[in-house]
């Protein structure tokens, strides 16, 4: 439900003036702002 909500928002709020692009991925631990190896960070990125 969490991921579905984020992807759904990304789709809903795309900019109609340009082709929409959404990426679902993760941030390597070394690059994450969360300084906790017990957590893994995912992202939903859009050009909306």
ModelCIF file with pLDDT and N, C-alpha, C, O atoms, coordinates in Angstrom:
data_MODEL
#
_entry.id   MODEL 
#
_entity.id                         1 
_entity.type                       polymer 
_entity.pdbx_number_of_molecules   1 
#
_entity_poly.entity_id                      1 
_entity_poly.type                           'polypeptide(L)' 
_entity_poly.nstd_linkage                   no 
_entity_poly.nstd_monomer                   no 
_entity_poly.pdbx_seq_one_letter_code       
;(UNK)(UNK)(UNK)(UNK)(UNK)(UNK)(UNK)(UNK)(UNK)(UNK)(UNK)(UNK)(UNK)(UNK)(UNK)(UNK)
(UNK)(UNK)(UNK)(UNK)(UNK)(UNK)(UNK)(UNK)(UNK)(UNK)(UNK)(UNK)(UNK)(UNK)(UNK)(UNK)
(UNK)(UNK)(UNK)(UNK)(UNK)(UNK)(UNK)(UNK)(UNK)(UNK)(UNK)(UNK)(UNK)(UNK)(UNK)(UNK)
;
_entity_poly.pdbx_seq_one_letter_code_can   XXXXXXXXXXXXXXXXXXXXXXXXXXXXXXXXXXXXXXXXXXXXXXXX 
_entity_poly.pdbx_strand_id                 A 
#
loop_
_entity_poly_seq.entity_id 
_entity_poly_seq.num 
_entity_poly_seq.mon_id 
_entity_poly_seq.hetero 
1 1  UNK n 
1 2  UNK n 
1 3  UNK n 
1 4  UNK n 
1 5  UNK n 
1 6  UNK n 
1 7  UNK n 
1 8  UNK n 
1 9  UNK n 
1 10 UNK n 
1 11 UNK n 
1 12 UNK n 
1 13 UNK n 
1 14 UNK n 
1 15 UNK n 
1 16 UNK n 
1 17 UNK n 
1 18 UNK n 
1 19 UNK n 
1 20 UNK n 
1 21 UNK n 
1 22 UNK n 
1 23 UNK n 
1 24 UNK n 
1 25 UNK n 
1 26 UNK n 
1 27 UNK n 
1 28 UNK n 
1 29 UNK n 
1 30 UNK n 
1 31 UNK n 
1 32 UNK n 
1 33 UNK n 
1 34 UNK n 
1 35 UNK n 
1 36 UNK n 
1 37 UNK n 
1 38 UNK n 
1 39 UNK n 
1 40 UNK n 
1 41 UNK n 
1 42 UNK n 
1 43 UNK n 
1 44 UNK n 
1 45 UNK n 
1 46 UNK n 
1 47 UNK n 
1 48 UNK n 
#
_struct_asym.id          A 
_struct_asym.entity_id   1 
#
loop_
_ma_qa_metric.id 
_ma_qa_metric.mode 
_ma_qa_metric.name 
_ma_qa_metric.software_group_id 
_ma_qa_metric.type 
1 global pLDDT . pLDDT 
2 local  pLDDT . pLDDT 
#
_ma_qa_metric_global.metric_id      1 
_ma_qa_metric_global.metric_value   89.12 
_ma_qa_metric_global.model_id       1 
_ma_qa_metric_global.ordinal_id     1 
#
loop_
_ma_qa_metric_local.label_asym_id 
_ma_qa_metric_local.label_comp_id 
_ma_qa_metric_local.label_seq_id 
_ma_qa_metric_local.metric_id 
_ma_qa_metric_local.metric_value 
_ma_qa_metric_local.model_id 
_ma_qa_metric_local.ordinal_id 
A UNK 1  2 88.00 1 1  
A UNK 2  2 90.00 1 2  
A UNK 3  2 93.00 1 3  
A UNK 4  2 91.00 1 4  
A UNK 5  2 89.00 1 5  
A UNK 6  2 93.00 1 6  
A UNK 7  2 93.00 1 7  
A UNK 8  2 91.00 1 8  
A UNK 9  2 90.00 1 9  
A UNK 10 2 93.00 1 10 
A UNK 11 2 93.00 1 11 
A UNK 12 2 91.00 1 12 
A UNK 13 2 90.00 1 13 
A UNK 14 2 93.00 1 14 
A UNK 15 2 92.00 1 15 
A UNK 16 2 91.00 1 16 
A UNK 17 2 91.00 1 17 
A UNK 18 2 92.00 1 18 
A UNK 19 2 92.00 1 19 
A UNK 20 2 94.00 1 20 
A UNK 21 2 97.00 1 21 
A UNK 22 2 97.00 1 22 
A UNK 23 2 97.00 1 23 
A UNK 24 2 97.00 1 24 
A UNK 25 2 97.00 1 25 
A UNK 26 2 95.00 1 26 
A UNK 27 2 93.00 1 27 
A UNK 28 2 89.00 1 28 
A UNK 29 2 80.00 1 29 
A UNK 30 2 68.00 1 30 
A UNK 31 2 71.00 1 31 
A UNK 32 2 71.00 1 32 
A UNK 33 2 72.00 1 33 
A UNK 34 2 67.00 1 34 
A UNK 35 2 58.00 1 35 
A UNK 36 2 74.00 1 36 
A UNK 37 2 77.00 1 37 
A UNK 38 2 90.00 1 38 
A UNK 39 2 94.00 1 39 
A UNK 40 2 95.00 1 40 
A UNK 41 2 95.00 1 41 
A UNK 42 2 97.00 1 42 
A UNK 43 2 97.00 1 43 
A UNK 44 2 97.00 1 44 
A UNK 45 2 97.00 1 45 
A UNK 46 2 96.00 1 46 
A UNK 47 2 96.00 1 47 
A UNK 48 2 94.00 1 48 
#
loop_
_atom_site.group_PDB 
_atom_site.id 
_atom_site.type_symbol 
_atom_site.label_atom_id 
_atom_site.label_alt_id 
_atom_site.label_comp_id 
_atom_site.label_asym_id 
_atom_site.label_entity_id 
_atom_site.label_seq_id 
_atom_site.pdbx_PDB_ins_code 
_atom_site.Cartn_x 
_atom_site.Cartn_y 
_atom_site.Cartn_z 
_atom_site.occupancy 
_atom_site.B_iso_or_equiv 
_atom_site.pdbx_formal_charge 
_atom_site.auth_seq_id 
_atom_site.auth_comp_id 
_atom_site.auth_asym_id 
_atom_site.auth_atom_id 
_atom_site.pdbx_PDB_model_num 
ATOM 1   N N  . UNK A 1 1  ? 0.827  -1.204 0.000   1.00 88.00 ? 1  UNK A N  1 
ATOM 2   C CA . UNK A 1 1  ? 0.000  0.000  0.000   1.00 88.00 ? 1  UNK A CA 1 
ATOM 3   C C  . UNK A 1 1  ? 0.863  1.257  0.000   1.00 88.00 ? 1  UNK A C  1 
ATOM 4   O O  . UNK A 1 1  ? 0.547  2.232  -0.681  1.00 88.00 ? 1  UNK A O  1 
ATOM 5   N N  . UNK A 1 2  ? 1.943  1.233  0.758   1.00 90.00 ? 2  UNK A N  1 
ATOM 6   C CA . UNK A 1 2  ? 2.852  2.385  0.804   1.00 90.00 ? 2  UNK A CA 1 
ATOM 7   C C  . UNK A 1 2  ? 3.425  2.665  -0.578  1.00 90.00 ? 2  UNK A C  1 
ATOM 8   O O  . UNK A 1 2  ? 3.324  3.781  -1.087  1.00 90.00 ? 2  UNK A O  1 
ATOM 9   N N  . UNK A 1 3  ? 4.022  1.653  -1.175  1.00 93.00 ? 3  UNK A N  1 
ATOM 10  C CA . UNK A 1 3  ? 4.638  1.842  -2.482  1.00 93.00 ? 3  UNK A CA 1 
ATOM 11  C C  . UNK A 1 3  ? 3.583  2.170  -3.542  1.00 93.00 ? 3  UNK A C  1 
ATOM 12  O O  . UNK A 1 3  ? 3.820  2.994  -4.425  1.00 93.00 ? 3  UNK A O  1 
ATOM 13  N N  . UNK A 1 4  ? 2.418  1.522  -3.450  1.00 91.00 ? 4  UNK A N  1 
ATOM 14  C CA . UNK A 1 4  ? 1.353  1.785  -4.404  1.00 91.00 ? 4  UNK A CA 1 
ATOM 15  C C  . UNK A 1 4  ? 0.860  3.222  -4.331  1.00 91.00 ? 4  UNK A C  1 
ATOM 16  O O  . UNK A 1 4  ? 0.556  3.834  -5.354  1.00 91.00 ? 4  UNK A O  1 
ATOM 17  N N  . UNK A 1 5  ? 0.783  3.754  -3.121  1.00 89.00 ? 5  UNK A N  1 
ATOM 18  C CA . UNK A 1 5  ? 0.352  5.145  -2.972  1.00 89.00 ? 5  UNK A CA 1 
ATOM 19  C C  . UNK A 1 5  ? 1.356  6.096  -3.611  1.00 89.00 ? 5  UNK A C  1 
ATOM 20  O O  . UNK A 1 5  ? 0.968  7.049  -4.286  1.00 89.00 ? 5  UNK A O  1 
ATOM 21  N N  . UNK A 1 6  ? 2.639  5.842  -3.401  1.00 93.00 ? 6  UNK A N  1 
ATOM 22  C CA . UNK A 1 6  ? 3.664  6.726  -3.957  1.00 93.00 ? 6  UNK A CA 1 
ATOM 23  C C  . UNK A 1 6  ? 3.703  6.657  -5.483  1.00 93.00 ? 6  UNK A C  1 
ATOM 24  O O  . UNK A 1 6  ? 3.836  7.680  -6.154  1.00 93.00 ? 6  UNK A O  1 
ATOM 25  N N  . UNK A 1 7  ? 3.585  5.449  -6.020  1.00 93.00 ? 7  UNK A N  1 
ATOM 26  C CA . UNK A 1 7  ? 3.574  5.311  -7.482  1.00 93.00 ? 7  UNK A CA 1 
ATOM 27  C C  . UNK A 1 7  ? 2.303  5.929  -8.052  1.00 93.00 ? 7  UNK A C  1 
ATOM 28  O O  . UNK A 1 7  ? 2.346  6.591  -9.089  1.00 93.00 ? 7  UNK A O  1 
ATOM 29  N N  . UNK A 1 8  ? 1.168  5.718  -7.377  1.00 91.00 ? 8  UNK A N  1 
ATOM 30  C CA . UNK A 1 8  ? -0.083 6.303  -7.840  1.00 91.00 ? 8  UNK A CA 1 
ATOM 31  C C  . UNK A 1 8  ? -0.029 7.822  -7.863  1.00 91.00 ? 8  UNK A C  1 
ATOM 32  O O  . UNK A 1 8  ? -0.507 8.449  -8.808  1.00 91.00 ? 8  UNK A O  1 
ATOM 33  N N  . UNK A 1 9  ? 0.550  8.414  -6.827  1.00 90.00 ? 9  UNK A N  1 
ATOM 34  C CA . UNK A 1 9  ? 0.700  9.874  -6.807  1.00 90.00 ? 9  UNK A CA 1 
ATOM 35  C C  . UNK A 1 9  ? 1.601  10.341 -7.942  1.00 90.00 ? 9  UNK A C  1 
ATOM 36  O O  . UNK A 1 9  ? 1.319  11.343 -8.600  1.00 90.00 ? 9  UNK A O  1 
ATOM 37  N N  . UNK A 1 10 ? 2.684  9.608  -8.166  1.00 93.00 ? 10 UNK A N  1 
ATOM 38  C CA . UNK A 1 10 ? 3.605  9.991  -9.241  1.00 93.00 ? 10 UNK A CA 1 
ATOM 39  C C  . UNK A 1 10 ? 2.894  9.993  -10.591 1.00 93.00 ? 10 UNK A C  1 
ATOM 40  O O  . UNK A 1 10 ? 3.111  10.884 -11.413 1.00 93.00 ? 10 UNK A O  1 
ATOM 41  N N  . UNK A 1 11 ? 2.044  8.990  -10.814 1.00 93.00 ? 11 UNK A N  1 
ATOM 42  C CA . UNK A 1 11 ? 1.297  8.917  -12.076 1.00 93.00 ? 11 UNK A CA 1 
ATOM 43  C C  . UNK A 1 11 ? 0.280  10.059 -12.165 1.00 93.00 ? 11 UNK A C  1 
ATOM 44  O O  . UNK A 1 11 ? 0.156  10.715 -13.200 1.00 93.00 ? 11 UNK A O  1 
ATOM 45  N N  . UNK A 1 12 ? -0.437 10.283 -11.077 1.00 91.00 ? 12 UNK A N  1 
ATOM 46  C CA . UNK A 1 12 ? -1.495 11.308 -11.093 1.00 91.00 ? 12 UNK A CA 1 
ATOM 47  C C  . UNK A 1 12 ? -0.958 12.710 -11.333 1.00 91.00 ? 12 UNK A C  1 
ATOM 48  O O  . UNK A 1 12 ? -1.609 13.535 -11.975 1.00 91.00 ? 12 UNK A O  1 
ATOM 49  N N  . UNK A 1 13 ? 0.248  12.975 -10.805 1.00 90.00 ? 13 UNK A N  1 
ATOM 50  C CA . UNK A 1 13 ? 0.754  14.348 -10.843 1.00 90.00 ? 13 UNK A CA 1 
ATOM 51  C C  . UNK A 1 13 ? 1.893  14.543 -11.843 1.00 90.00 ? 13 UNK A C  1 
ATOM 52  O O  . UNK A 1 13 ? 2.767  15.389 -11.657 1.00 90.00 ? 13 UNK A O  1 
ATOM 53  N N  . UNK A 1 14 ? 1.862  13.738 -12.907 1.00 93.00 ? 14 UNK A N  1 
ATOM 54  C CA . UNK A 1 14 ? 2.792  13.980 -14.001 1.00 93.00 ? 14 UNK A CA 1 
ATOM 55  C C  . UNK A 1 14 ? 2.422  15.271 -14.719 1.00 93.00 ? 14 UNK A C  1 
ATOM 56  O O  . UNK A 1 14 ? 1.269  15.702 -14.701 1.00 93.00 ? 14 UNK A O  1 
ATOM 57  N N  . UNK A 1 15 ? 3.409  15.873 -15.344 1.00 92.00 ? 15 UNK A N  1 
ATOM 58  C CA . UNK A 1 15 ? 3.193  17.117 -16.081 1.00 92.00 ? 15 UNK A CA 1 
ATOM 59  C C  . UNK A 1 15 ? 2.705  16.771 -17.488 1.00 92.00 ? 15 UNK A C  1 
ATOM 60  O O  . UNK A 1 15 ? 3.440  16.135 -18.244 1.00 92.00 ? 15 UNK A O  1 
ATOM 61  N N  . UNK A 1 16 ? 1.490  17.171 -17.860 1.00 91.00 ? 16 UNK A N  1 
ATOM 62  C CA . UNK A 1 16 ? 0.961  16.810 -19.189 1.00 91.00 ? 16 UNK A CA 1 
ATOM 63  C C  . UNK A 1 16 ? 1.716  17.461 -20.337 1.00 91.00 ? 16 UNK A C  1 
ATOM 64  O O  . UNK A 1 16 ? 1.502  17.103 -21.495 1.00 91.00 ? 16 UNK A O  1 
ATOM 65  N N  . UNK A 1 17 ? 2.596  18.410 -20.037 1.00 91.00 ? 17 UNK A N  1 
ATOM 66  C CA . UNK A 1 17 ? 3.310  19.110 -21.106 1.00 91.00 ? 17 UNK A CA 1 
ATOM 67  C C  . UNK A 1 17 ? 4.549  18.354 -21.581 1.00 91.00 ? 17 UNK A C  1 
ATOM 68  O O  . UNK A 1 17 ? 5.189  18.779 -22.544 1.00 91.00 ? 17 UNK A O  1 
ATOM 69  N N  . UNK A 1 18 ? 4.904  17.243 -20.930 1.00 92.00 ? 18 UNK A N  1 
ATOM 70  C CA . UNK A 1 18 ? 6.081  16.479 -21.351 1.00 92.00 ? 18 UNK A CA 1 
ATOM 71  C C  . UNK A 1 18 ? 5.871  14.994 -21.052 1.00 92.00 ? 18 UNK A C  1 
ATOM 72  O O  . UNK A 1 18 ? 5.050  14.649 -20.201 1.00 92.00 ? 18 UNK A O  1 
ATOM 73  N N  . UNK A 1 19 ? 6.596  14.116 -21.733 1.00 92.00 ? 19 UNK A N  1 
ATOM 74  C CA . UNK A 1 19 ? 6.464  12.676 -21.478 1.00 92.00 ? 19 UNK A CA 1 
ATOM 75  C C  . UNK A 1 19 ? 6.789  12.350 -20.023 1.00 92.00 ? 19 UNK A C  1 
ATOM 76  O O  . UNK A 1 19 ? 7.795  12.806 -19.479 1.00 92.00 ? 19 UNK A O  1 
ATOM 77  N N  . UNK A 1 20 ? 5.926  11.558 -19.411 1.00 94.00 ? 20 UNK A N  1 
ATOM 78  C CA . UNK A 1 20 ? 6.124  11.208 -18.015 1.00 94.00 ? 20 UNK A CA 1 
ATOM 79  C C  . UNK A 1 20 ? 7.130  10.075 -17.838 1.00 94.00 ? 20 UNK A C  1 
ATOM 80  O O  . UNK A 1 20 ? 7.152  9.117  -18.611 1.00 94.00 ? 20 UNK A O  1 
ATOM 81  N N  . UNK A 1 21 ? 7.961  10.203 -16.807 1.00 97.00 ? 21 UNK A N  1 
ATOM 82  C CA . UNK A 1 21 ? 8.948  9.173  -16.501 1.00 97.00 ? 21 UNK A CA 1 
ATOM 83  C C  . UNK A 1 21 ? 9.000  8.976  -14.994 1.00 97.00 ? 21 UNK A C  1 
ATOM 84  O O  . UNK A 1 21 ? 9.213  9.928  -14.242 1.00 97.00 ? 21 UNK A O  1 
ATOM 85  N N  . UNK A 1 22 ? 8.807  7.744  -14.558 1.00 97.00 ? 22 UNK A N  1 
ATOM 86  C CA . UNK A 1 22 ? 8.834  7.403  -13.138 1.00 97.00 ? 22 UNK A CA 1 
ATOM 87  C C  . UNK A 1 22 ? 9.858  6.299  -12.931 1.00 97.00 ? 22 UNK A C  1 
ATOM 88  O O  . UNK A 1 22 ? 9.905  5.337  -13.698 1.00 97.00 ? 22 UNK A O  1 
ATOM 89  N N  . UNK A 1 23 ? 10.671 6.434  -11.904 1.00 97.00 ? 23 UNK A N  1 
ATOM 90  C CA . UNK A 1 23 ? 11.684 5.421  -11.587 1.00 97.00 ? 23 UNK A CA 1 
ATOM 91  C C  . UNK A 1 23 ? 11.469 4.913  -10.165 1.00 97.00 ? 23 UNK A C  1 
ATOM 92  O O  . UNK A 1 23 ? 11.236 5.693  -9.242  1.00 97.00 ? 23 UNK A O  1 
ATOM 93  N N  . UNK A 1 24 ? 11.552 3.598  -10.006 1.00 97.00 ? 24 UNK A N  1 
ATOM 94  C CA . UNK A 1 24 ? 11.474 2.970  -8.683  1.00 97.00 ? 24 UNK A CA 1 
ATOM 95  C C  . UNK A 1 24 ? 12.813 2.284  -8.442  1.00 97.00 ? 24 UNK A C  1 
ATOM 96  O O  . UNK A 1 24 ? 13.217 1.422  -9.222  1.00 97.00 ? 24 UNK A O  1 
ATOM 97  N N  . UNK A 1 25 ? 13.491 2.654  -7.384  1.00 97.00 ? 25 UNK A N  1 
ATOM 98  C CA . UNK A 1 25 ? 14.815 2.084  -7.139  1.00 97.00 ? 25 UNK A CA 1 
ATOM 99  C C  . UNK A 1 25 ? 15.185 2.159  -5.669  1.00 97.00 ? 25 UNK A C  1 
ATOM 100 O O  . UNK A 1 25 ? 14.328 2.375  -4.812  1.00 97.00 ? 25 UNK A O  1 
ATOM 101 N N  . UNK A 1 26 ? 16.468 1.979  -5.385  1.00 95.00 ? 26 UNK A N  1 
ATOM 102 C CA . UNK A 1 26 ? 16.925 2.071  -4.000  1.00 95.00 ? 26 UNK A CA 1 
ATOM 103 C C  . UNK A 1 26 ? 18.218 2.862  -3.946  1.00 95.00 ? 26 UNK A C  1 
ATOM 104 O O  . UNK A 1 26 ? 18.923 3.004  -4.945  1.00 95.00 ? 26 UNK A O  1 
ATOM 105 N N  . UNK A 1 27 ? 18.513 3.370  -2.767  1.00 93.00 ? 27 UNK A N  1 
ATOM 106 C CA . UNK A 1 27 ? 19.722 4.154  -2.545  1.00 93.00 ? 27 UNK A CA 1 
ATOM 107 C C  . UNK A 1 27 ? 20.749 3.261  -1.859  1.00 93.00 ? 27 UNK A C  1 
ATOM 108 O O  . UNK A 1 27 ? 20.470 2.732  -0.783  1.00 93.00 ? 27 UNK A O  1 
ATOM 109 N N  . UNK A 1 28 ? 21.927 3.080  -2.450  1.00 89.00 ? 28 UNK A N  1 
ATOM 110 C CA . UNK A 1 28 ? 22.967 2.288  -1.770  1.00 89.00 ? 28 UNK A CA 1 
ATOM 111 C C  . UNK A 1 28 ? 23.236 2.825  -0.371  1.00 89.00 ? 28 UNK A C  1 
ATOM 112 O O  . UNK A 1 28 ? 23.167 4.030  -0.130  1.00 89.00 ? 28 UNK A O  1 
ATOM 113 N N  . UNK A 1 29 ? 23.540 1.923  0.538   1.00 80.00 ? 29 UNK A N  1 
ATOM 114 C CA . UNK A 1 29 ? 23.725 2.312  1.932   1.00 80.00 ? 29 UNK A CA 1 
ATOM 115 C C  . UNK A 1 29 ? 24.754 3.426  2.082   1.00 80.00 ? 29 UNK A C  1 
ATOM 116 O O  . UNK A 1 29 ? 24.582 4.323  2.908   1.00 80.00 ? 29 UNK A O  1 
ATOM 117 N N  . UNK A 1 30 ? 25.808 3.376  1.300   1.00 68.00 ? 30 UNK A N  1 
ATOM 118 C CA . UNK A 1 30 ? 26.870 4.379  1.415   1.00 68.00 ? 30 UNK A CA 1 
ATOM 119 C C  . UNK A 1 30 ? 26.393 5.776  1.025   1.00 68.00 ? 30 UNK A C  1 
ATOM 120 O O  . UNK A 1 30 ? 26.976 6.775  1.445   1.00 68.00 ? 30 UNK A O  1 
ATOM 121 N N  . UNK A 1 31 ? 25.332 5.843  0.222   1.00 71.00 ? 31 UNK A N  1 
ATOM 122 C CA . UNK A 1 31 ? 24.824 7.141  -0.250  1.00 71.00 ? 31 UNK A CA 1 
ATOM 123 C C  . UNK A 1 31 ? 23.572 7.594  0.489   1.00 71.00 ? 31 UNK A C  1 
ATOM 124 O O  . UNK A 1 31 ? 23.116 8.719  0.285   1.00 71.00 ? 31 UNK A O  1 
ATOM 125 N N  . UNK A 1 32 ? 23.010 6.752  1.334   1.00 71.00 ? 32 UNK A N  1 
ATOM 126 C CA . UNK A 1 32 ? 21.760 7.075  2.000   1.00 71.00 ? 32 UNK A CA 1 
ATOM 127 C C  . UNK A 1 32 ? 21.983 8.073  3.127   1.00 71.00 ? 32 UNK A C  1 
ATOM 128 O O  . UNK A 1 32 ? 22.996 8.031  3.825   1.00 71.00 ? 32 UNK A O  1 
ATOM 129 N N  . UNK A 1 33 ? 21.005 8.982  3.291   1.00 72.00 ? 33 UNK A N  1 
ATOM 130 C CA . UNK A 1 33 ? 21.070 9.941  4.395   1.00 72.00 ? 33 UNK A CA 1 
ATOM 131 C C  . UNK A 1 33 ? 20.668 9.290  5.713   1.00 72.00 ? 33 UNK A C  1 
ATOM 132 O O  . UNK A 1 33 ? 20.851 9.878  6.779   1.00 72.00 ? 33 UNK A O  1 
ATOM 133 N N  . UNK A 1 34 ? 20.121 8.079  5.645   1.00 67.00 ? 34 UNK A N  1 
ATOM 134 C CA . UNK A 1 34 ? 19.747 7.349  6.856   1.00 67.00 ? 34 UNK A CA 1 
ATOM 135 C C  . UNK A 1 34 ? 20.965 6.551  7.325   1.00 67.00 ? 34 UNK A C  1 
ATOM 136 O O  . UNK A 1 34 ? 21.326 5.540  6.723   1.00 67.00 ? 34 UNK A O  1 
ATOM 137 N N  . UNK A 1 35 ? 21.574 7.004  8.378   1.00 58.00 ? 35 UNK A N  1 
ATOM 138 C CA . UNK A 1 35 ? 22.793 6.356  8.883   1.00 58.00 ? 35 UNK A CA 1 
ATOM 139 C C  . UNK A 1 35 ? 22.418 5.167  9.758   1.00 58.00 ? 35 UNK A C  1 
ATOM 140 O O  . UNK A 1 35 ? 22.684 5.164  10.961  1.00 58.00 ? 35 UNK A O  1 
ATOM 141 N N  . UNK A 1 36 ? 21.806 4.168  9.156   1.00 74.00 ? 36 UNK A N  1 
ATOM 142 C CA . UNK A 1 36 ? 21.386 2.981  9.901   1.00 74.00 ? 36 UNK A CA 1 
ATOM 143 C C  . UNK A 1 36 ? 21.434 1.783  8.965   1.00 74.00 ? 36 UNK A C  1 
ATOM 144 O O  . UNK A 1 36 ? 20.575 1.643  8.094   1.00 74.00 ? 36 UNK A O  1 
ATOM 145 N N  . UNK A 1 37 ? 22.420 0.924  9.134   1.00 77.00 ? 37 UNK A N  1 
ATOM 146 C CA . UNK A 1 37 ? 22.514 -0.258 8.268   1.00 77.00 ? 37 UNK A CA 1 
ATOM 147 C C  . UNK A 1 37 ? 21.328 -1.201 8.410   1.00 77.00 ? 37 UNK A C  1 
ATOM 148 O O  . UNK A 1 37 ? 21.145 -2.096 7.585   1.00 77.00 ? 37 UNK A O  1 
ATOM 149 N N  . UNK A 1 38 ? 20.521 -1.007 9.451   1.00 90.00 ? 38 UNK A N  1 
ATOM 150 C CA . UNK A 1 38 ? 19.348 -1.862 9.634   1.00 90.00 ? 38 UNK A CA 1 
ATOM 151 C C  . UNK A 1 38 ? 18.199 -1.457 8.723   1.00 90.00 ? 38 UNK A C  1 
ATOM 152 O O  . UNK A 1 38 ? 17.185 -2.151 8.656   1.00 90.00 ? 38 UNK A O  1 
ATOM 153 N N  . UNK A 1 39 ? 18.354 -0.310 8.005   1.00 94.00 ? 39 UNK A N  1 
ATOM 154 C CA . UNK A 1 39 ? 17.307 0.172  7.118   1.00 94.00 ? 39 UNK A CA 1 
ATOM 155 C C  . UNK A 1 39 ? 17.796 0.181  5.675   1.00 94.00 ? 39 UNK A C  1 
ATOM 156 O O  . UNK A 1 39 ? 18.975 0.409  5.409   1.00 94.00 ? 39 UNK A O  1 
ATOM 157 N N  . UNK A 1 40 ? 16.877 -0.070 4.750   1.00 95.00 ? 40 UNK A N  1 
ATOM 158 C CA . UNK A 1 40 ? 17.184 0.041  3.328   1.00 95.00 ? 40 UNK A CA 1 
ATOM 159 C C  . UNK A 1 40 ? 16.255 1.114  2.752   1.00 95.00 ? 40 UNK A C  1 
ATOM 160 O O  . UNK A 1 40 ? 15.061 1.140  3.051   1.00 95.00 ? 40 UNK A O  1 
ATOM 161 N N  . UNK A 1 41 ? 16.816 1.993  1.925   1.00 95.00 ? 41 UNK A N  1 
ATOM 162 C CA . UNK A 1 41 ? 16.064 3.148  1.422   1.00 95.00 ? 41 UNK A CA 1 
ATOM 163 C C  . UNK A 1 41 ? 15.665 2.949  -0.039  1.00 95.00 ? 41 UNK A C  1 
ATOM 164 O O  . UNK A 1 41 ? 16.505 2.714  -0.908  1.00 95.00 ? 41 UNK A O  1 
ATOM 165 N N  . UNK A 1 42 ? 14.367 3.050  -0.280  1.00 97.00 ? 42 UNK A N  1 
ATOM 166 C CA . UNK A 1 42 ? 13.819 2.971  -1.637  1.00 97.00 ? 42 UNK A CA 1 
ATOM 167 C C  . UNK A 1 42 ? 13.372 4.364  -2.067  1.00 97.00 ? 42 UNK A C  1 
ATOM 168 O O  . UNK A 1 42 ? 13.184 5.251  -1.234  1.00 97.00 ? 42 UNK A O  1 
ATOM 169 N N  . UNK A 1 43 ? 13.203 4.548  -3.375  1.00 97.00 ? 43 UNK A N  1 
ATOM 170 C CA . UNK A 1 43 ? 12.699 5.836  -3.854  1.00 97.00 ? 43 UNK A CA 1 
ATOM 171 C C  . UNK A 1 43 ? 11.725 5.631  -5.008  1.00 97.00 ? 43 UNK A C  1 
ATOM 172 O O  . UNK A 1 43 ? 11.791 4.647  -5.744  1.00 97.00 ? 43 UNK A O  1 
ATOM 173 N N  . UNK A 1 44 ? 10.814 6.606  -5.136  1.00 97.00 ? 44 UNK A N  1 
ATOM 174 C CA . UNK A 1 44 ? 9.930  6.723  -6.302  1.00 97.00 ? 44 UNK A CA 1 
ATOM 175 C C  . UNK A 1 44 ? 10.147 8.131  -6.837  1.00 97.00 ? 44 UNK A C  1 
ATOM 176 O O  . UNK A 1 44 ? 9.763  9.117  -6.208  1.00 97.00 ? 44 UNK A O  1 
ATOM 177 N N  . UNK A 1 45 ? 10.767 8.206  -8.003  1.00 97.00 ? 45 UNK A N  1 
ATOM 178 C CA . UNK A 1 45 ? 11.138 9.511  -8.576  1.00 97.00 ? 45 UNK A CA 1 
ATOM 179 C C  . UNK A 1 45 ? 10.316 9.770  -9.836  1.00 97.00 ? 45 UNK A C  1 
ATOM 180 O O  . UNK A 1 45 ? 10.103 8.862  -10.639 1.00 97.00 ? 45 UNK A O  1 
ATOM 181 N N  . UNK A 1 46 ? 9.855  11.003 -10.008 1.00 96.00 ? 46 UNK A N  1 
ATOM 182 C CA . UNK A 1 46 ? 9.089  11.356 -11.199 1.00 96.00 ? 46 UNK A CA 1 
ATOM 183 C C  . UNK A 1 46 ? 9.534  12.703 -11.745 1.00 96.00 ? 46 UNK A C  1 
ATOM 184 O O  . UNK A 1 46 ? 10.222 13.464 -11.063 1.00 96.00 ? 46 UNK A O  1 
ATOM 185 N N  . UNK A 1 47 ? 9.143  12.988 -12.961 1.00 96.00 ? 47 UNK A N  1 
ATOM 186 C CA . UNK A 1 47 ? 9.433  14.285 -13.578 1.00 96.00 ? 47 UNK A CA 1 
ATOM 187 C C  . UNK A 1 47 ? 8.141  15.081 -13.727 1.00 96.00 ? 47 UNK A C  1 
ATOM 188 O O  . UNK A 1 47 ? 7.901  15.716 -14.754 1.00 96.00 ? 47 UNK A O  1 
ATOM 189 N N  . UNK A 1 48 ? 7.307  15.035 -12.678 1.00 94.00 ? 48 UNK A N  1 
ATOM 190 C CA . UNK A 1 48 ? 5.986  15.634 -12.730 1.00 94.00 ? 48 UNK A CA 1 
ATOM 191 C C  . UNK A 1 48 ? 5.928  17.096 -12.351 1.00 94.00 ? 48 UNK A C  1 
ATOM 192 O O  . UNK A 1 48 ? 4.852  17.695 -12.364 1.00 94.00 ? 48 UNK A O  1 
#
